[in-house]
Amino acid sequence: MYRDALVKEPGLSDRQAKALGYIPEHGSLTIQDFERLCPEVNRRSLQRDLRAMMDIGLLVLEEATNELVYRMREVG
C-alpha cells in the first residue's frame, strides 16, 4: 500500500515511479538496474532522477562493495 502511494507521488516522472516500483520487489536498486529498466535513457539522467528522489527523502543511499545501492527510506 505504501509503495503504491509513493509511486503515485505528485511530481515524480515515469522513470522515477518505475525505480520506486522496482525497489520493494528486489530490495534495492543500483544504477545498473535502473539502466536496464530505462535502456533508452543515458546514465547521467538516471543519476539525476535518483538524486532528486534522495533530495525529497524517498530514497537513501548505501555503499556496498564498490557500488552505490539505493533503498527506500524507512517510514516510522
N, C-alpha and C. Protein backbone atom coordinates (compact mmCIF):
# COMPACT_ATOMS: atom_id res chain seq x y z
N MET A 1 0.82 -1.19 0.00
CA MET A 1 0.00 0.00 0.00
C MET A 1 0.88 1.26 0.00
N TYR A 2 1.86 1.33 0.90
CA TYR A 2 2.76 2.47 0.97
C TYR A 2 3.50 2.65 -0.35
N ARG A 3 3.94 1.53 -0.94
CA ARG A 3 4.65 1.59 -2.21
C ARG A 3 3.77 2.20 -3.28
N ASP A 4 2.51 1.80 -3.35
CA ASP A 4 1.60 2.34 -4.35
C ASP A 4 1.42 3.84 -4.17
N ALA A 5 1.36 4.29 -2.93
CA ALA A 5 1.23 5.73 -2.67
C ALA A 5 2.47 6.48 -3.13
N LEU A 6 3.65 5.91 -2.90
CA LEU A 6 4.88 6.56 -3.32
C LEU A 6 4.98 6.65 -4.83
N VAL A 7 4.62 5.58 -5.51
CA VAL A 7 4.73 5.56 -6.97
C VAL A 7 3.82 6.63 -7.58
N LYS A 8 2.74 6.95 -6.90
CA LYS A 8 1.82 7.97 -7.40
C LYS A 8 2.14 9.35 -6.83
N GLU A 9 3.24 9.49 -6.14
CA GLU A 9 3.67 10.75 -5.55
C GLU A 9 3.66 11.85 -6.62
N PRO A 10 3.00 12.98 -6.34
CA PRO A 10 2.96 14.07 -7.32
C PRO A 10 4.37 14.54 -7.67
N GLY A 11 4.58 14.82 -8.92
CA GLY A 11 5.86 15.36 -9.35
C GLY A 11 6.89 14.32 -9.76
N LEU A 12 6.62 13.03 -9.55
CA LEU A 12 7.57 12.01 -9.98
C LEU A 12 7.41 11.74 -11.46
N SER A 13 8.53 11.57 -12.13
CA SER A 13 8.49 11.20 -13.54
C SER A 13 8.15 9.71 -13.66
N ASP A 14 7.84 9.30 -14.87
CA ASP A 14 7.58 7.88 -15.11
C ASP A 14 8.80 7.04 -14.75
N ARG A 15 9.99 7.55 -15.06
CA ARG A 15 11.22 6.80 -14.73
C ARG A 15 11.38 6.66 -13.23
N GLN A 16 11.13 7.73 -12.50
CA GLN A 16 11.27 7.67 -11.05
C GLN A 16 10.24 6.71 -10.45
N ALA A 17 9.03 6.74 -10.96
CA ALA A 17 7.99 5.81 -10.50
C ALA A 17 8.40 4.37 -10.79
N LYS A 18 9.02 4.15 -11.94
CA LYS A 18 9.48 2.81 -12.30
C LYS A 18 10.56 2.34 -11.31
N ALA A 19 11.46 3.24 -10.95
CA ALA A 19 12.52 2.90 -9.98
C ALA A 19 11.90 2.56 -8.62
N LEU A 20 10.96 3.37 -8.17
CA LEU A 20 10.32 3.10 -6.88
C LEU A 20 9.53 1.81 -6.89
N GLY A 21 8.95 1.47 -8.03
CA GLY A 21 8.22 0.21 -8.14
C GLY A 21 9.14 -1.00 -8.11
N TYR A 22 10.37 -0.82 -8.55
CA TYR A 22 11.36 -1.91 -8.62
C TYR A 22 11.89 -2.27 -7.23
N ILE A 23 12.11 -1.27 -6.40
CA ILE A 23 12.81 -1.49 -5.13
C ILE A 23 12.09 -2.45 -4.18
N PRO A 24 10.81 -2.31 -3.93
CA PRO A 24 10.17 -3.24 -2.98
C PRO A 24 10.26 -4.70 -3.42
N GLU A 25 10.20 -4.92 -4.70
CA GLU A 25 10.28 -6.29 -5.23
C GLU A 25 11.68 -6.89 -5.11
N HIS A 26 12.70 -6.04 -5.29
CA HIS A 26 14.09 -6.51 -5.33
C HIS A 26 14.92 -6.10 -4.13
N GLY A 27 14.38 -5.25 -3.27
CA GLY A 27 15.10 -4.86 -2.07
C GLY A 27 15.96 -3.62 -2.21
N SER A 28 16.45 -3.37 -3.41
CA SER A 28 17.30 -2.21 -3.64
C SER A 28 17.39 -1.96 -5.14
N LEU A 29 18.09 -0.90 -5.49
CA LEU A 29 18.27 -0.53 -6.90
C LEU A 29 19.68 0.00 -7.07
N THR A 30 20.38 -0.45 -8.07
CA THR A 30 21.67 0.12 -8.44
C THR A 30 21.49 0.89 -9.74
N ILE A 31 22.47 1.67 -10.10
CA ILE A 31 22.39 2.40 -11.36
C ILE A 31 22.30 1.42 -12.54
N GLN A 32 22.95 0.27 -12.41
CA GLN A 32 22.88 -0.73 -13.47
C GLN A 32 21.46 -1.28 -13.61
N ASP A 33 20.79 -1.49 -12.48
CA ASP A 33 19.39 -1.93 -12.53
C ASP A 33 18.53 -0.88 -13.22
N PHE A 34 18.75 0.38 -12.86
CA PHE A 34 17.96 1.47 -13.43
C PHE A 34 18.22 1.58 -14.94
N GLU A 35 19.45 1.36 -15.35
CA GLU A 35 19.77 1.37 -16.78
C GLU A 35 19.04 0.26 -17.52
N ARG A 36 18.88 -0.89 -16.89
CA ARG A 36 18.13 -1.99 -17.52
C ARG A 36 16.64 -1.65 -17.59
N LEU A 37 16.13 -0.95 -16.58
CA LEU A 37 14.73 -0.55 -16.59
C LEU A 37 14.44 0.53 -17.65
N CYS A 38 15.42 1.37 -17.90
CA CYS A 38 15.25 2.51 -18.83
C CYS A 38 16.43 2.55 -19.80
N PRO A 39 16.54 1.57 -20.69
CA PRO A 39 17.72 1.48 -21.55
C PRO A 39 17.87 2.64 -22.54
N GLU A 40 16.80 3.35 -22.81
CA GLU A 40 16.85 4.44 -23.79
C GLU A 40 17.34 5.76 -23.17
N VAL A 41 17.58 5.75 -21.86
CA VAL A 41 17.95 6.98 -21.15
C VAL A 41 19.43 6.90 -20.74
N ASN A 42 20.14 8.03 -20.89
CA ASN A 42 21.56 8.00 -20.54
C ASN A 42 21.75 7.98 -19.02
N ARG A 43 22.89 7.47 -18.61
CA ARG A 43 23.19 7.26 -17.20
C ARG A 43 23.10 8.55 -16.40
N ARG A 44 23.58 9.63 -16.94
CA ARG A 44 23.58 10.90 -16.20
C ARG A 44 22.15 11.33 -15.85
N SER A 45 21.22 11.15 -16.76
CA SER A 45 19.81 11.50 -16.49
C SER A 45 19.25 10.60 -15.40
N LEU A 46 19.59 9.32 -15.43
CA LEU A 46 19.12 8.40 -14.40
C LEU A 46 19.70 8.77 -13.05
N GLN A 47 20.96 9.17 -13.02
CA GLN A 47 21.59 9.59 -11.77
C GLN A 47 20.89 10.83 -11.21
N ARG A 48 20.50 11.75 -12.10
CA ARG A 48 19.77 12.94 -11.65
C ARG A 48 18.41 12.55 -11.06
N ASP A 49 17.75 11.58 -11.69
CA ASP A 49 16.47 11.10 -11.15
C ASP A 49 16.64 10.55 -9.74
N LEU A 50 17.67 9.74 -9.54
CA LEU A 50 17.92 9.15 -8.23
C LEU A 50 18.27 10.23 -7.21
N ARG A 51 19.09 11.17 -7.60
CA ARG A 51 19.47 12.26 -6.70
C ARG A 51 18.24 13.07 -6.29
N ALA A 52 17.35 13.34 -7.22
CA ALA A 52 16.13 14.09 -6.91
C ALA A 52 15.27 13.34 -5.90
N MET A 53 15.18 12.03 -6.04
CA MET A 53 14.39 11.23 -5.09
C MET A 53 15.05 11.19 -3.72
N MET A 54 16.37 11.24 -3.68
CA MET A 54 17.08 11.32 -2.41
C MET A 54 16.83 12.68 -1.77
N ASP A 55 16.86 13.73 -2.57
CA ASP A 55 16.69 15.09 -2.06
C ASP A 55 15.32 15.30 -1.41
N ILE A 56 14.29 14.60 -1.91
CA ILE A 56 12.97 14.76 -1.30
C ILE A 56 12.68 13.67 -0.26
N GLY A 57 13.68 12.84 0.02
CA GLY A 57 13.57 11.89 1.11
C GLY A 57 12.92 10.56 0.77
N LEU A 58 12.77 10.23 -0.51
CA LEU A 58 12.17 8.95 -0.88
C LEU A 58 13.17 7.81 -0.85
N LEU A 59 14.43 8.13 -1.16
CA LEU A 59 15.48 7.10 -1.22
C LEU A 59 16.61 7.44 -0.27
N VAL A 60 17.29 6.41 0.18
CA VAL A 60 18.54 6.57 0.92
C VAL A 60 19.62 5.83 0.15
N LEU A 61 20.83 6.29 0.30
CA LEU A 61 21.97 5.74 -0.43
C LEU A 61 22.84 4.95 0.52
N GLU A 62 23.24 3.77 0.09
CA GLU A 62 24.17 2.94 0.84
C GLU A 62 25.30 2.53 -0.10
N GLU A 63 26.46 2.34 0.46
CA GLU A 63 27.57 1.84 -0.34
C GLU A 63 27.75 0.37 -0.03
N ALA A 64 27.89 -0.41 -1.08
CA ALA A 64 28.07 -1.85 -0.91
C ALA A 64 29.12 -2.34 -1.89
N THR A 65 30.28 -2.69 -1.39
CA THR A 65 31.36 -3.25 -2.19
C THR A 65 31.50 -2.61 -3.56
N ASN A 66 31.98 -1.40 -3.58
CA ASN A 66 32.28 -0.68 -4.81
C ASN A 66 31.08 -0.30 -5.67
N GLU A 67 29.88 -0.33 -5.12
CA GLU A 67 28.75 0.18 -5.88
C GLU A 67 27.76 0.86 -4.95
N LEU A 68 27.04 1.82 -5.49
CA LEU A 68 26.04 2.53 -4.72
C LEU A 68 24.73 1.79 -4.83
N VAL A 69 24.05 1.65 -3.71
CA VAL A 69 22.78 0.93 -3.64
C VAL A 69 21.73 1.88 -3.09
N TYR A 70 20.62 1.98 -3.77
CA TYR A 70 19.52 2.85 -3.34
C TYR A 70 18.43 2.00 -2.73
N ARG A 71 17.94 2.45 -1.59
CA ARG A 71 16.83 1.76 -0.91
C ARG A 71 15.77 2.79 -0.57
N MET A 72 14.57 2.29 -0.36
CA MET A 72 13.51 3.20 0.05
C MET A 72 13.73 3.59 1.50
N ARG A 73 13.43 4.83 1.80
CA ARG A 73 13.55 5.33 3.16
C ARG A 73 12.55 4.60 4.04
N GLU A 74 12.97 4.23 5.22
CA GLU A 74 12.07 3.58 6.20
C GLU A 74 11.10 4.61 6.72
N VAL A 75 9.87 4.20 6.88
CA VAL A 75 8.83 5.08 7.41
C VAL A 75 8.59 4.73 8.85
N GLY A 76 8.40 5.75 9.66
CA GLY A 76 8.04 5.49 11.04
C GLY A 76 9.05 5.87 11.98
